[in-house]
Amino acid sequence: MNGTWSWPLLLAALTLLGLAAGIFGDGVWDWLCWAGLAVPVWVVARKLRLHWRARARPDA
């Protein structure tokens, strides 16, 4: 299962845990919810930024 599906499954698990933490309660659960939902968004944004930078560079 290494390779293509490792990262998407990890990000999906983090998202699911973040959504579940939002349902469980308040306080620490809210922080777990924010972390679980923010990490996948951050990873995708970082990958997009790196991809766009690579496309913007002229081939030398």
Protein backbone atom coordinates (compact mmCIF):
# COMPACT_ATOMS: atom_id res chain seq x y z
CA MET A 1 0.00 0.00 0.00
CA ASN A 2 2.98 2.29 -0.23
CA GLY A 3 3.15 4.70 -3.09
CA THR A 4 0.07 6.15 -4.70
CA TRP A 5 -2.48 5.64 -1.91
CA SER A 6 -0.43 6.26 1.24
CA TRP A 7 -0.73 10.04 1.42
CA PRO A 8 -4.35 10.32 0.29
CA LEU A 9 -5.39 7.70 2.87
CA LEU A 10 -3.46 9.49 5.61
CA LEU A 11 -5.06 12.82 4.70
CA ALA A 12 -8.49 11.18 4.56
CA ALA A 13 -7.95 9.64 8.01
CA LEU A 14 -6.90 13.02 9.43
CA THR A 15 -9.98 14.64 7.93
CA LEU A 16 -12.26 11.94 9.31
CA LEU A 17 -10.69 12.20 12.77
CA GLY A 18 -11.00 15.99 12.64
CA LEU A 19 -14.67 15.79 11.75
CA ALA A 20 -15.29 13.19 14.46
CA ALA A 21 -13.46 15.31 17.04
CA GLY A 22 -15.77 18.21 16.20
CA ILE A 23 -18.77 16.06 17.11
CA PHE A 24 -17.38 14.60 20.35
CA GLY A 25 -17.22 17.70 22.49
CA ASP A 26 -15.68 21.04 23.34
CA GLY A 27 -12.35 22.27 24.62
CA VAL A 28 -9.56 19.92 23.58
CA TRP A 29 -11.86 18.28 21.02
CA ASP A 30 -12.20 21.62 19.23
CA TRP A 31 -8.41 21.88 18.96
CA LEU A 32 -8.19 18.33 17.61
CA CYS A 33 -10.92 19.19 15.11
CA TRP A 34 -9.04 22.27 13.87
CA ALA A 35 -5.76 20.37 13.63
CA GLY A 36 -7.32 17.39 11.88
CA LEU A 37 -8.97 19.62 9.29
CA ALA A 38 -6.13 22.13 8.88
CA VAL A 39 -3.30 19.68 8.19
CA PRO A 40 -4.80 18.26 4.95
CA VAL A 41 -5.59 21.77 3.70
CA TRP A 42 -2.04 22.89 4.49
CA VAL A 43 -0.53 19.88 2.68
CA VAL A 44 -2.62 20.48 -0.44
CA ALA A 45 -1.86 24.22 -0.45
CA ARG A 46 1.87 23.57 -0.10
CA LYS A 47 1.88 21.02 -2.93
CA LEU A 48 -0.07 23.39 -5.18
CA ARG A 49 2.34 26.24 -4.43
CA LEU A 50 5.35 24.06 -5.26
CA HIS A 51 3.67 22.87 -8.46
CA TRP A 52 2.82 26.41 -9.56
CA ARG A 53 6.37 27.60 -8.85
CA ALA A 54 7.80 24.77 -10.94
CA ARG A 55 5.49 25.66 -13.84
CA ALA A 56 6.36 29.37 -13.62
CA ARG A 57 10.10 28.74 -14.01
CA PRO A 58 11.34 29.00 -17.55
CA ASP A 59 13.15 25.90 -18.78
CA ALA A 60 16.82 26.66 -19.05
